[in-house]
Amino acid sequence: MAQESFDPEKTPMTTIRFDDPSVGLHPVLLKSLLKMKDHTHFTKIQHNLIGHILRHNNCLIRSTTGSGKTLAYLIPIYHTLLRLKHGDESIKEDAIGRIPAVGTFENRSSGV
């Protein structure tokens, strides 16, 4: 199986912006995300997964290189940590259980 190359033009994007109020990201995280000049909208995988992860659902993510998987799991981690740091009372009771755990691995099936 040949290694898939990354083509940013083929990354499936949504019309949902990082600052969309329905997403409800922590303001500090939102400010950081909006500093990324080349990223203003969620990719489809990010939009589909972030809500599930924030609701503590188990998720298995498999997608092509450049599809946004890394931010799909980092955004909920940073969002949760910022809520803890800034004293969000609704999350303090079970804080450790609310931080998403992530395991990743490289697909080495193409061989070298």
C-alpha atoms as a PDB file:
ATOM      1  CA  MET A   1       0.000   0.000   0.000  1.00  0.00           C
ATOM      2  CA  ALA A   2       1.473   3.338  -1.043  1.00  0.00           C
ATOM      3  CA  GLN A   3       1.855   6.144   1.480  1.00  0.00           C
ATOM      4  CA  GLU A   4      -0.802   8.783   0.953  1.00  0.00           C
ATOM      5  CA  SER A   5       0.572  12.271   0.380  1.00  0.00           C
ATOM      6  CA  PHE A   6      -0.905  15.329   2.071  1.00  0.00           C
ATOM      7  CA  ASP A   7      -2.753  17.792  -0.153  1.00  0.00           C
ATOM      8  CA  PRO A   8      -4.255  20.712   1.827  1.00  0.00           C
ATOM      9  CA  GLU A   9      -6.602  21.494  -1.051  1.00  0.00           C
ATOM     10  CA  LYS A  10      -8.276  18.092  -0.578  1.00  0.00           C
ATOM     11  CA  THR A  11      -8.845  18.446   3.191  1.00  0.00           C
ATOM     12  CA  PRO A  12     -12.610  18.360   3.714  1.00  0.00           C
ATOM     13  CA  MET A  13     -13.598  21.575   5.495  1.00  0.00           C
ATOM     14  CA  THR A  14     -16.895  22.652   7.040  1.00  0.00           C
ATOM     15  CA  THR A  15     -18.561  26.039   7.101  1.00  0.00           C
ATOM     16  CA  ILE A  16     -18.300  26.021  10.920  1.00  0.00           C
ATOM     17  CA  ARG A  17     -15.777  28.577  12.152  1.00  0.00           C
ATOM     18  CA  PHE A  18     -13.718  28.135  15.325  1.00  0.00           C
ATOM     19  CA  ASP A  19     -15.531  31.149  16.812  1.00  0.00           C
ATOM     20  CA  ASP A  20     -19.039  29.791  16.136  1.00  0.00           C
ATOM     21  CA  PRO A  21     -20.949  30.319  19.431  1.00  0.00           C
ATOM     22  CA  SER A  22     -22.638  26.912  19.129  1.00  0.00           C
ATOM     23  CA  VAL A  23     -19.247  25.213  19.582  1.00  0.00           C
ATOM     24  CA  GLY A  24     -18.604  27.009  22.880  1.00  0.00           C
ATOM     25  CA  LEU A  25     -14.818  26.795  23.055  1.00  0.00           C
ATOM     26  CA  HIS A  26     -13.022  28.378  26.008  1.00  0.00           C
ATOM     27  CA  PRO A  27     -12.178  32.021  25.116  1.00  0.00           C
ATOM     28  CA  VAL A  28      -8.424  31.561  25.691  1.00  0.00           C
ATOM     29  CA  LEU A  29      -8.370  28.531  23.385  1.00  0.00           C
ATOM     30  CA  LEU A  30     -10.463  30.338  20.819  1.00  0.00           C
ATOM     31  CA  LYS A  31      -8.063  33.282  20.816  1.00  0.00           C
ATOM     32  CA  SER A  32      -5.137  30.913  20.159  1.00  0.00           C
ATOM     33  CA  LEU A  33      -6.951  29.067  17.383  1.00  0.00           C
ATOM     34  CA  LEU A  34      -7.865  32.314  15.652  1.00  0.00           C
ATOM     35  CA  LYS A  35      -4.176  33.313  15.559  1.00  0.00           C
ATOM     36  CA  MET A  36      -3.550  30.502  13.069  1.00  0.00           C
ATOM     37  CA  LYS A  37      -3.743  32.434   9.814  1.00  0.00           C
ATOM     38  CA  ASP A  38      -4.375  29.434   7.552  1.00  0.00           C
ATOM     39  CA  HIS A  39      -7.028  27.799   9.747  1.00  0.00           C
ATOM     40  CA  THR A  40     -10.352  29.480  10.536  1.00  0.00           C
ATOM     41  CA  HIS A  41     -12.835  26.627  10.066  1.00  0.00           C
ATOM     42  CA  PHE A  42     -13.118  23.122  11.467  1.00  0.00           C
ATOM     43  CA  THR A  43     -12.357  20.208   9.206  1.00  0.00           C
ATOM     44  CA  LYS A  44     -15.141  17.663   8.910  1.00  0.00           C
ATOM     45  CA  ILE A  45     -13.420  15.209  11.265  1.00  0.00           C
ATOM     46  CA  GLN A  46     -12.891  17.935  13.891  1.00  0.00           C
ATOM     47  CA  HIS A  47     -16.500  19.074  13.714  1.00  0.00           C
ATOM     48  CA  ASN A  48     -17.785  15.502  13.922  1.00  0.00           C
ATOM     49  CA  LEU A  49     -15.577  14.451  16.854  1.00  0.00           C
ATOM     50  CA  ILE A  50     -15.001  17.376  19.212  1.00  0.00           C
ATOM     51  CA  GLY A  51     -18.518  17.333  20.642  1.00  0.00           C
ATOM     52  CA  HIS A  52     -18.366  13.569  21.209  1.00  0.00           C
ATOM     53  CA  ILE A  53     -15.020  13.846  22.982  1.00  0.00           C
ATOM     54  CA  LEU A  54     -16.231  16.732  25.166  1.00  0.00           C
ATOM     55  CA  ARG A  55     -19.233  14.609  26.175  1.00  0.00           C
ATOM     56  CA  HIS A  56     -16.763  11.894  27.267  1.00  0.00           C
ATOM     57  CA  ASN A  57     -17.704   9.421  24.540  1.00  0.00           C
ATOM     58  CA  ASN A  58     -15.092   6.897  23.459  1.00  0.00           C
ATOM     59  CA  CYS A  59     -13.938   7.596  19.919  1.00  0.00           C
ATOM     60  CA  LEU A  60     -11.690   5.780  17.490  1.00  0.00           C
ATOM     61  CA  ILE A  61     -10.311   8.105  14.834  1.00  0.00           C
ATOM     62  CA  ARG A  62      -8.923   6.890  11.544  1.00  0.00           C
ATOM     63  CA  SER A  63      -8.478   9.359   8.732  1.00  0.00           C
ATOM     64  CA  THR A  64      -6.024  10.479   6.096  1.00  0.00           C
ATOM     65  CA  THR A  65      -2.961  12.598   6.764  1.00  0.00           C
ATOM     66  CA  GLY A  66      -3.871  16.270   7.035  1.00  0.00           C
ATOM     67  CA  SER A  67      -7.537  15.720   7.868  1.00  0.00           C
ATOM     68  CA  GLY A  68      -7.289  17.415  11.278  1.00  0.00           C
ATOM     69  CA  LYS A  69      -7.117  14.424  13.624  1.00  0.00           C
ATOM     70  CA  THR A  70      -4.528  15.994  15.913  1.00  0.00           C
ATOM     71  CA  LEU A  71      -6.590  19.118  16.602  1.00  0.00           C
ATOM     72  CA  ALA A  72      -9.720  16.951  16.883  1.00  0.00           C
ATOM     73  CA  TYR A  73      -8.354  15.487  20.122  1.00  0.00           C
ATOM     74  CA  LEU A  74      -6.139  18.371  21.300  1.00  0.00           C
ATOM     75  CA  ILE A  75      -8.920  20.966  21.261  1.00  0.00           C
ATOM     76  CA  PRO A  76     -11.031  19.070  23.848  1.00  0.00           C
ATOM     77  CA  ILE A  77      -7.946  18.464  26.034  1.00  0.00           C
ATOM     78  CA  TYR A  78      -6.970  22.148  26.082  1.00  0.00           C
ATOM     79  CA  HIS A  79     -10.608  23.229  26.492  1.00  0.00           C
ATOM     80  CA  THR A  80     -10.953  21.018  29.574  1.00  0.00           C
ATOM     81  CA  LEU A  81      -7.614  22.090  31.086  1.00  0.00           C
ATOM     82  CA  LEU A  82      -8.474  25.765  30.600  1.00  0.00           C
ATOM     83  CA  ARG A  83     -11.837  25.280  32.285  1.00  0.00           C
ATOM     84  CA  LEU A  84     -10.034  23.704  35.246  1.00  0.00           C
ATOM     85  CA  LYS A  85      -7.393  26.430  35.389  1.00  0.00           C
ATOM     86  CA  HIS A  86      -9.947  29.224  35.297  1.00  0.00           C
ATOM     87  CA  GLY A  87     -12.072  27.757  38.075  1.00  0.00           C
ATOM     88  CA  ASP A  88     -15.066  26.344  36.244  1.00  0.00           C
ATOM     89  CA  GLU A  89     -16.964  24.879  39.200  1.00  0.00           C
ATOM     90  CA  SER A  90     -18.998  22.518  37.024  1.00  0.00           C
ATOM     91  CA  ILE A  91     -15.912  20.530  36.083  1.00  0.00           C
ATOM     92  CA  LYS A  92     -13.864  20.464  39.325  1.00  0.00           C
ATOM     93  CA  GLU A  93     -15.638  17.589  41.062  1.00  0.00           C
ATOM     94  CA  ASP A  94     -14.374  14.888  38.714  1.00  0.00           C
ATOM     95  CA  ALA A  95     -11.573  16.739  36.925  1.00  0.00           C
ATOM     96  CA  ILE A  96      -9.240  13.827  36.201  1.00  0.00           C
ATOM     97  CA  GLY A  97     -12.028  11.760  34.683  1.00  0.00           C
ATOM     98  CA  ARG A  98     -12.960  14.656  32.417  1.00  0.00           C
ATOM     99  CA  ILE A  99      -9.624  15.022  30.658  1.00  0.00           C
ATOM    100  CA  PRO A 100      -9.666  13.018  27.421  1.00  0.00           C
ATOM    101  CA  ALA A 101      -7.076  10.267  27.125  1.00  0.00           C
ATOM    102  CA  VAL A 102      -5.531   9.742  23.714  1.00  0.00           C
ATOM    103  CA  GLY A 103      -3.540   6.893  22.252  1.00  0.00           C
ATOM    104  CA  THR A 104      -1.986   7.256  18.834  1.00  0.00           C
ATOM    105  CA  PHE A 105       0.094   5.107  16.529  1.00  0.00           C
ATOM    106  CA  GLU A 106       1.663   5.390  13.123  1.00  0.00           C
ATOM    107  CA  ASN A 107       0.405   3.214  10.331  1.00  0.00           C
ATOM    108  CA  ARG A 108       3.550   1.456   9.176  1.00  0.00           C
ATOM    109  CA  SER A 109       1.811  -0.958   6.810  1.00  0.00           C
ATOM    110  CA  SER A 110       3.469   0.624   3.776  1.00  0.00           C
ATOM    111  CA  GLY A 111       6.856  -0.688   4.978  1.00  0.00           C
ATOM    112  CA  VAL A 112      10.295   0.726   4.270  1.00  0.00           C
END
